[in-house]
Amino acid sequence: MSTHSTHQACHHPARDITIVALVSGVVSLGTAVTTMAFDVSALATLTGSGGAFIAAISAGMNVLNHVKRDV
């Protein structure tokens, strides 16, 4: 191991975006299950899970943007 090693960034944008999309899908499914447990209508379930998906994917993409900018 060198004492003068430099930071080498590993760029895998497709993998990163896939991970964000999968995590968003899991969050959306969890929200749908939780919403259905309260015995609400199908429209409320879809609205809640869709909103959670959009929020999670937006947050994930913002994090990726900041991480890629710092490298």
PDB file of N, CA and C in Angstrom:
ATOM      1  N   MET A   1       0.839  -1.186   0.000  1.00  0.00           N
ATOM      2  CA  MET A   1       0.000   0.000   0.000  1.00  0.00           C
ATOM      3  C   MET A   1       0.880   1.244   0.000  1.00  0.00           C
ATOM      4  N   SER A   2       0.597   2.139  -0.871  1.00  0.00           N
ATOM      5  CA  SER A   2       1.407   3.338  -1.031  1.00  0.00           C
ATOM      6  C   SER A   2       0.968   4.427  -0.056  1.00  0.00           C
ATOM      7  N   THR A   3       1.934   5.182   0.400  1.00  0.00           N
ATOM      8  CA  THR A   3       1.598   6.304   1.283  1.00  0.00           C
ATOM      9  C   THR A   3       1.130   7.507   0.479  1.00  0.00           C
ATOM     10  N   HIS A   4       1.309   7.460  -0.824  1.00  0.00           N
ATOM     11  CA  HIS A   4       0.916   8.566  -1.693  1.00  0.00           C
ATOM     12  C   HIS A   4      -0.239   8.164  -2.605  1.00  0.00           C
ATOM     13  N   SER A   5      -1.133   7.374  -2.112  1.00  0.00           N
ATOM     14  CA  SER A   5      -2.252   6.941  -2.945  1.00  0.00           C
ATOM     15  C   SER A   5      -3.252   8.078  -3.111  1.00  0.00           C
ATOM     16  N   THR A   6      -3.866   8.100  -4.248  1.00  0.00           N
ATOM     17  CA  THR A   6      -4.878   9.119  -4.533  1.00  0.00           C
ATOM     18  C   THR A   6      -6.249   8.468  -4.541  1.00  0.00           C
ATOM     19  N   HIS A   7      -7.252   9.290  -4.343  1.00  0.00           N
ATOM     20  CA  HIS A   7      -8.623   8.797  -4.348  1.00  0.00           C
ATOM     21  C   HIS A   7      -9.055   8.502  -5.774  1.00  0.00           C
ATOM     22  N   GLN A   8      -9.486   7.278  -6.008  1.00  0.00           N
ATOM     23  CA  GLN A   8      -9.966   6.912  -7.332  1.00  0.00           C
ATOM     24  C   GLN A   8     -11.462   6.681  -7.249  1.00  0.00           C
ATOM     25  N   ALA A   9     -12.206   7.513  -7.930  1.00  0.00           N
ATOM     26  CA  ALA A   9     -13.662   7.398  -7.909  1.00  0.00           C
ATOM     27  C   ALA A   9     -14.095   6.263  -8.828  1.00  0.00           C
ATOM     28  N   CYS A  10     -15.072   5.535  -8.394  1.00  0.00           N
ATOM     29  CA  CYS A  10     -15.644   4.461  -9.188  1.00  0.00           C
ATOM     30  C   CYS A  10     -16.997   4.941  -9.700  1.00  0.00           C
ATOM     31  N   HIS A  11     -17.125   5.044 -10.999  1.00  0.00           N
ATOM     32  CA  HIS A  11     -18.348   5.598 -11.581  1.00  0.00           C
ATOM     33  C   HIS A  11     -19.188   4.490 -12.198  1.00  0.00           C
ATOM     34  N   HIS A  12     -20.331   4.241 -11.591  1.00  0.00           N
ATOM     35  CA  HIS A  12     -21.291   3.267 -12.106  1.00  0.00           C
ATOM     36  C   HIS A  12     -22.678   3.898 -12.055  1.00  0.00           C
ATOM     37  N   PRO A  13     -22.974   4.811 -12.973  1.00  0.00           N
ATOM     38  CA  PRO A  13     -24.258   5.524 -12.892  1.00  0.00           C
ATOM     39  C   PRO A  13     -25.476   4.615 -13.046  1.00  0.00           C
ATOM     40  N   ALA A  14     -25.398   3.603 -13.896  1.00  0.00           N
ATOM     41  CA  ALA A  14     -26.554   2.719 -14.082  1.00  0.00           C
ATOM     42  C   ALA A  14     -26.842   1.939 -12.799  1.00  0.00           C
ATOM     43  N   ARG A  15     -25.789   1.473 -12.137  1.00  0.00           N
ATOM     44  CA  ARG A  15     -25.965   0.744 -10.887  1.00  0.00           C
ATOM     45  C   ARG A  15     -26.547   1.649  -9.810  1.00  0.00           C
ATOM     46  N   ASP A  16     -26.036   2.860  -9.705  1.00  0.00           N
ATOM     47  CA  ASP A  16     -26.518   3.798  -8.690  1.00  0.00           C
ATOM     48  C   ASP A  16     -27.991   4.144  -8.896  1.00  0.00           C
ATOM     49  N   ILE A  17     -28.374   4.404 -10.134  1.00  0.00           N
ATOM     50  CA  ILE A  17     -29.768   4.748 -10.434  1.00  0.00           C
ATOM     51  C   ILE A  17     -30.677   3.551 -10.182  1.00  0.00           C
ATOM     52  N   THR A  18     -30.193   2.353 -10.507  1.00  0.00           N
ATOM     53  CA  THR A  18     -30.976   1.141 -10.246  1.00  0.00           C
ATOM     54  C   THR A  18     -31.200   0.943  -8.756  1.00  0.00           C
ATOM     55  N   ILE A  19     -30.176   1.175  -7.961  1.00  0.00           N
ATOM     56  CA  ILE A  19     -30.311   1.042  -6.509  1.00  0.00           C
ATOM     57  C   ILE A  19     -31.324   2.045  -5.971  1.00  0.00           C
ATOM     58  N   VAL A  20     -31.255   3.278  -6.434  1.00  0.00           N
ATOM     59  CA  VAL A  20     -32.205   4.302  -5.992  1.00  0.00           C
ATOM     60  C   VAL A  20     -33.625   3.910  -6.381  1.00  0.00           C
ATOM     61  N   ALA A  21     -33.813   3.407  -7.601  1.00  0.00           N
ATOM     62  CA  ALA A  21     -35.146   3.010  -8.053  1.00  0.00           C
ATOM     63  C   ALA A  21     -35.677   1.827  -7.244  1.00  0.00           C
ATOM     64  N   LEU A  22     -34.813   0.848  -6.947  1.00  0.00           N
ATOM     65  CA  LEU A  22     -35.252  -0.298  -6.159  1.00  0.00           C
ATOM     66  C   LEU A  22     -35.624   0.093  -4.732  1.00  0.00           C
ATOM     67  N   VAL A  23     -34.826   0.947  -4.130  1.00  0.00           N
ATOM     68  CA  VAL A  23     -35.142   1.410  -2.770  1.00  0.00           C
ATOM     69  C   VAL A  23     -36.449   2.199  -2.774  1.00  0.00           C
ATOM     70  N   SER A  24     -36.645   3.010  -3.789  1.00  0.00           N
ATOM     71  CA  SER A  24     -37.900   3.766  -3.898  1.00  0.00           C
ATOM     72  C   SER A  24     -39.090   2.835  -4.057  1.00  0.00           C
ATOM     73  N   GLY A  25     -38.913   1.772  -4.813  1.00  0.00           N
ATOM     74  CA  GLY A  25     -39.974   0.787  -4.968  1.00  0.00           C
ATOM     75  C   GLY A  25     -40.318   0.092  -3.657  1.00  0.00           C
ATOM     76  N   VAL A  26     -39.294  -0.229  -2.874  1.00  0.00           N
ATOM     77  CA  VAL A  26     -39.523  -0.857  -1.570  1.00  0.00           C
ATOM     78  C   VAL A  26     -40.250   0.108  -0.634  1.00  0.00           C
ATOM     79  N   VAL A  27     -39.851   1.365  -0.641  1.00  0.00           N
ATOM     80  CA  VAL A  27     -40.535   2.375   0.181  1.00  0.00           C
ATOM     81  C   VAL A  27     -41.995   2.498  -0.247  1.00  0.00           C
ATOM     82  N   SER A  28     -42.229   2.499  -1.552  1.00  0.00           N
ATOM     83  CA  SER A  28     -43.586   2.610  -2.070  1.00  0.00           C
ATOM     84  C   SER A  28     -44.435   1.406  -1.665  1.00  0.00           C
ATOM     85  N   LEU A  29     -43.873   0.210  -1.766  1.00  0.00           N
ATOM     86  CA  LEU A  29     -44.606  -0.992  -1.359  1.00  0.00           C
ATOM     87  C   LEU A  29     -44.908  -0.983   0.137  1.00  0.00           C
ATOM     88  N   GLY A  30     -43.943  -0.554   0.923  1.00  0.00           N
ATOM     89  CA  GLY A  30     -44.174  -0.456   2.365  1.00  0.00           C
ATOM     90  C   GLY A  30     -45.276   0.528   2.696  1.00  0.00           C
ATOM     91  N   THR A  31     -45.295   1.641   1.977  1.00  0.00           N
ATOM     92  CA  THR A  31     -46.353   2.627   2.186  1.00  0.00           C
ATOM     93  C   THR A  31     -47.715   2.070   1.768  1.00  0.00           C
ATOM     94  N   ALA A  32     -47.747   1.320   0.670  1.00  0.00           N
ATOM     95  CA  ALA A  32     -49.010   0.731   0.214  1.00  0.00           C
ATOM     96  C   ALA A  32     -49.540  -0.273   1.229  1.00  0.00           C
ATOM     97  N   VAL A  33     -48.666  -1.110   1.761  1.00  0.00           N
ATOM     98  CA  VAL A  33     -49.089  -2.103   2.753  1.00  0.00           C
ATOM     99  C   VAL A  33     -49.597  -1.415   4.014  1.00  0.00           C
ATOM    100  N   THR A  34     -48.874  -0.398   4.451  1.00  0.00           N
ATOM    101  CA  THR A  34     -49.291   0.337   5.650  1.00  0.00           C
ATOM    102  C   THR A  34     -50.628   1.033   5.424  1.00  0.00           C
ATOM    103  N   THR A  35     -50.800   1.624   4.251  1.00  0.00           N
ATOM    104  CA  THR A  35     -52.050   2.314   3.940  1.00  0.00           C
ATOM    105  C   THR A  35     -53.214   1.330   3.864  1.00  0.00           C
ATOM    106  N   MET A  36     -52.977   0.168   3.253  1.00  0.00           N
ATOM    107  CA  MET A  36     -54.038  -0.843   3.155  1.00  0.00           C
ATOM    108  C   MET A  36     -54.430  -1.388   4.524  1.00  0.00           C
ATOM    109  N   ALA A  37     -53.504  -1.360   5.473  1.00  0.00           N
ATOM    110  CA  ALA A  37     -53.804  -1.852   6.824  1.00  0.00           C
ATOM    111  C   ALA A  37     -54.851  -0.976   7.513  1.00  0.00           C
ATOM    112  N   PHE A  38     -54.974   0.266   7.076  1.00  0.00           N
ATOM    113  CA  PHE A  38     -55.963   1.176   7.656  1.00  0.00           C
ATOM    114  C   PHE A  38     -57.315   1.090   6.960  1.00  0.00           C
ATOM    115  N   ASP A  39     -57.489   0.131   6.062  1.00  0.00           N
ATOM    116  CA  ASP A  39     -58.760  -0.110   5.379  1.00  0.00           C
ATOM    117  C   ASP A  39     -59.274   1.116   4.623  1.00  0.00           C
ATOM    118  N   VAL A  40     -58.402   1.728   3.846  1.00  0.00           N
ATOM    119  CA  VAL A  40     -58.808   2.895   3.053  1.00  0.00           C
ATOM    120  C   VAL A  40     -59.083   2.463   1.615  1.00  0.00           C
ATOM    121  N   SER A  41     -59.514   3.384   0.801  1.00  0.00           N
ATOM    122  CA  SER A  41     -59.856   3.068  -0.590  1.00  0.00           C
ATOM    123  C   SER A  41     -58.597   2.796  -1.424  1.00  0.00           C
ATOM    124  N   ALA A  42     -58.820   2.208  -2.581  1.00  0.00           N
ATOM    125  CA  ALA A  42     -57.708   1.914  -3.484  1.00  0.00           C
ATOM    126  C   ALA A  42     -57.047   3.198  -3.977  1.00  0.00           C
ATOM    127  N   LEU A  43     -57.851   4.232  -4.185  1.00  0.00           N
ATOM    128  CA  LEU A  43     -57.295   5.503  -4.646  1.00  0.00           C
ATOM    129  C   LEU A  43     -56.357   6.106  -3.595  1.00  0.00           C
ATOM    130  N   ALA A  44     -56.739   6.029  -2.343  1.00  0.00           N
ATOM    131  CA  ALA A  44     -55.871   6.544  -1.272  1.00  0.00           C
ATOM    132  C   ALA A  44     -54.586   5.736  -1.178  1.00  0.00           C
ATOM    133  N   THR A  45     -54.690   4.434  -1.389  1.00  0.00           N
ATOM    134  CA  THR A  45     -53.494   3.584  -1.365  1.00  0.00           C
ATOM    135  C   THR A  45     -52.546   3.952  -2.496  1.00  0.00           C
ATOM    136  N   LEU A  46     -53.090   4.102  -3.693  1.00  0.00           N
ATOM    137  CA  LEU A  46     -52.257   4.469  -4.843  1.00  0.00           C
ATOM    138  C   LEU A  46     -51.667   5.864  -4.691  1.00  0.00           C
ATOM    139  N   THR A  47     -52.449   6.782  -4.177  1.00  0.00           N
ATOM    140  CA  THR A  47     -51.958   8.148  -3.977  1.00  0.00           C
ATOM    141  C   THR A  47     -50.821   8.177  -2.957  1.00  0.00           C
ATOM    142  N   GLY A  48     -51.003   7.469  -1.867  1.00  0.00           N
ATOM    143  CA  GLY A  48     -49.969   7.442  -0.832  1.00  0.00           C
ATOM    144  C   GLY A  48     -48.694   6.759  -1.281  1.00  0.00           C
ATOM    145  N   SER A  49     -48.844   5.611  -1.939  1.00  0.00           N
ATOM    146  CA  SER A  49     -47.648   4.889  -2.379  1.00  0.00           C
ATOM    147  C   SER A  49     -46.956   5.613  -3.536  1.00  0.00           C
ATOM    148  N   GLY A  50     -47.725   6.233  -4.412  1.00  0.00           N
ATOM    149  CA  GLY A  50     -47.125   7.011  -5.500  1.00  0.00           C
ATOM    150  C   GLY A  50     -46.374   8.227  -4.989  1.00  0.00           C
ATOM    151  N   GLY A  51     -46.963   8.896  -4.015  1.00  0.00           N
ATOM    152  CA  GLY A  51     -46.277  10.044  -3.411  1.00  0.00           C
ATOM    153  C   GLY A  51     -45.007   9.639  -2.708  1.00  0.00           C
ATOM    154  N   ALA A  52     -45.038   8.500  -2.023  1.00  0.00           N
ATOM    155  CA  ALA A  52     -43.835   8.010  -1.347  1.00  0.00           C
ATOM    156  C   ALA A  52     -42.750   7.636  -2.359  1.00  0.00           C
ATOM    157  N   PHE A  53     -43.167   7.031  -3.485  1.00  0.00           N
ATOM    158  CA  PHE A  53     -42.206   6.674  -4.529  1.00  0.00           C
ATOM    159  C   PHE A  53     -41.529   7.911  -5.105  1.00  0.00           C
ATOM    160  N   ILE A  54     -42.330   8.927  -5.424  1.00  0.00           N
ATOM    161  CA  ILE A  54     -41.781  10.162  -5.997  1.00  0.00           C
ATOM    162  C   ILE A  54     -40.846  10.849  -4.997  1.00  0.00           C
ATOM    163  N   ALA A  55     -41.245  10.892  -3.731  1.00  0.00           N
ATOM    164  CA  ALA A  55     -40.404  11.528  -2.712  1.00  0.00           C
ATOM    165  C   ALA A  55     -39.093  10.781  -2.533  1.00  0.00           C
ATOM    166  N   ALA A  56     -39.158   9.448  -2.491  1.00  0.00           N
ATOM    167  CA  ALA A  56     -37.941   8.663  -2.275  1.00  0.00           C
ATOM    168  C   ALA A  56     -36.998   8.742  -3.472  1.00  0.00           C
ATOM    169  N   ILE A  57     -37.544   8.682  -4.680  1.00  0.00           N
ATOM    170  CA  ILE A  57     -36.674   8.735  -5.850  1.00  0.00           C
ATOM    171  C   ILE A  57     -36.081  10.141  -6.027  1.00  0.00           C
ATOM    172  N   SER A  58     -36.841  11.168  -5.688  1.00  0.00           N
ATOM    173  CA  SER A  58     -36.306  12.540  -5.766  1.00  0.00           C
ATOM    174  C   SER A  58     -35.174  12.735  -4.761  1.00  0.00           C
ATOM    175  N   ALA A  59     -35.383  12.261  -3.544  1.00  0.00           N
ATOM    176  CA  ALA A  59     -34.344  12.385  -2.522  1.00  0.00           C
ATOM    177  C   ALA A  59     -33.102  11.589  -2.919  1.00  0.00           C
ATOM    178  N   GLY A  60     -33.304  10.388  -3.439  1.00  0.00           N
ATOM    179  CA  GLY A  60     -32.166   9.566  -3.856  1.00  0.00           C
ATOM    180  C   GLY A  60     -31.377  10.192  -4.991  1.00  0.00           C
ATOM    181  N   MET A  61     -32.073  10.752  -5.953  1.00  0.00           N
ATOM    182  CA  MET A  61     -31.374  11.391  -7.073  1.00  0.00           C
ATOM    183  C   MET A  61     -30.624  12.650  -6.619  1.00  0.00           C
ATOM    184  N   ASN A  62     -31.205  13.381  -5.678  1.00  0.00           N
ATOM    185  CA  ASN A  62     -30.505  14.548  -5.133  1.00  0.00           C
ATOM    186  C   ASN A  62     -29.236  14.135  -4.396  1.00  0.00           C
ATOM    187  N   VAL A  63     -29.317  13.054  -3.640  1.00  0.00           N
ATOM    188  CA  VAL A  63     -28.130  12.553  -2.940  1.00  0.00           C
ATOM    189  C   VAL A  63     -27.075  12.128  -3.951  1.00  0.00           C
ATOM    190  N   LEU A  64     -27.479  11.395  -4.993  1.00  0.00           N
ATOM    191  CA  LEU A  64     -26.516  10.998  -6.020  1.00  0.00           C
ATOM    192  C   LEU A  64     -25.876  12.203  -6.693  1.00  0.00           C
ATOM    193  N   ASN A  65     -26.657  13.229  -6.941  1.00  0.00           N
ATOM    194  CA  ASN A  65     -26.129  14.436  -7.559  1.00  0.00           C
ATOM    195  C   ASN A  65     -25.060  15.076  -6.686  1.00  0.00           C
ATOM    196  N   HIS A  66     -25.300  15.159  -5.392  1.00  0.00           N
ATOM    197  CA  HIS A  66     -24.330  15.758  -4.482  1.00  0.00           C
ATOM    198  C   HIS A  66     -23.094  14.883  -4.323  1.00  0.00           C
ATOM    199  N   VAL A  67     -23.278  13.567  -4.282  1.00  0.00           N
ATOM    200  CA  VAL A  67     -22.147  12.659  -4.131  1.00  0.00           C
ATOM    201  C   VAL A  67     -21.267  12.716  -5.375  1.00  0.00           C
ATOM    202  N   LYS A  68     -21.873  12.720  -6.542  1.00  0.00           N
ATOM    203  CA  LYS A  68     -21.095  12.760  -7.781  1.00  0.00           C
ATOM    204  C   LYS A  68     -20.405  14.112  -7.964  1.00  0.00           C
ATOM    205  N   ARG A  69     -20.995  15.177  -7.452  1.00  0.00           N
ATOM    206  CA  ARG A  69     -20.396  16.498  -7.585  1.00  0.00           C
ATOM    207  C   ARG A  69     -19.157  16.632  -6.718  1.00  0.00           C
ATOM    208  N   ASP A  70     -19.143  15.968  -5.544  1.00  0.00           N
ATOM    209  CA  ASP A  70     -18.014  16.084  -4.630  1.00  0.00           C
ATOM    210  C   ASP A  70     -16.817  15.256  -5.064  1.00  0.00           C
ATOM    211  N   VAL A  71     -17.033  14.276  -5.922  1.00  0.00           N
ATOM    212  CA  VAL A  71     -15.931  13.394  -6.312  1.00  0.00           C
ATOM    213  C   VAL A  71     -15.100  14.022  -7.375  1.00  0.00           C
TER     214      VAL A  71
END
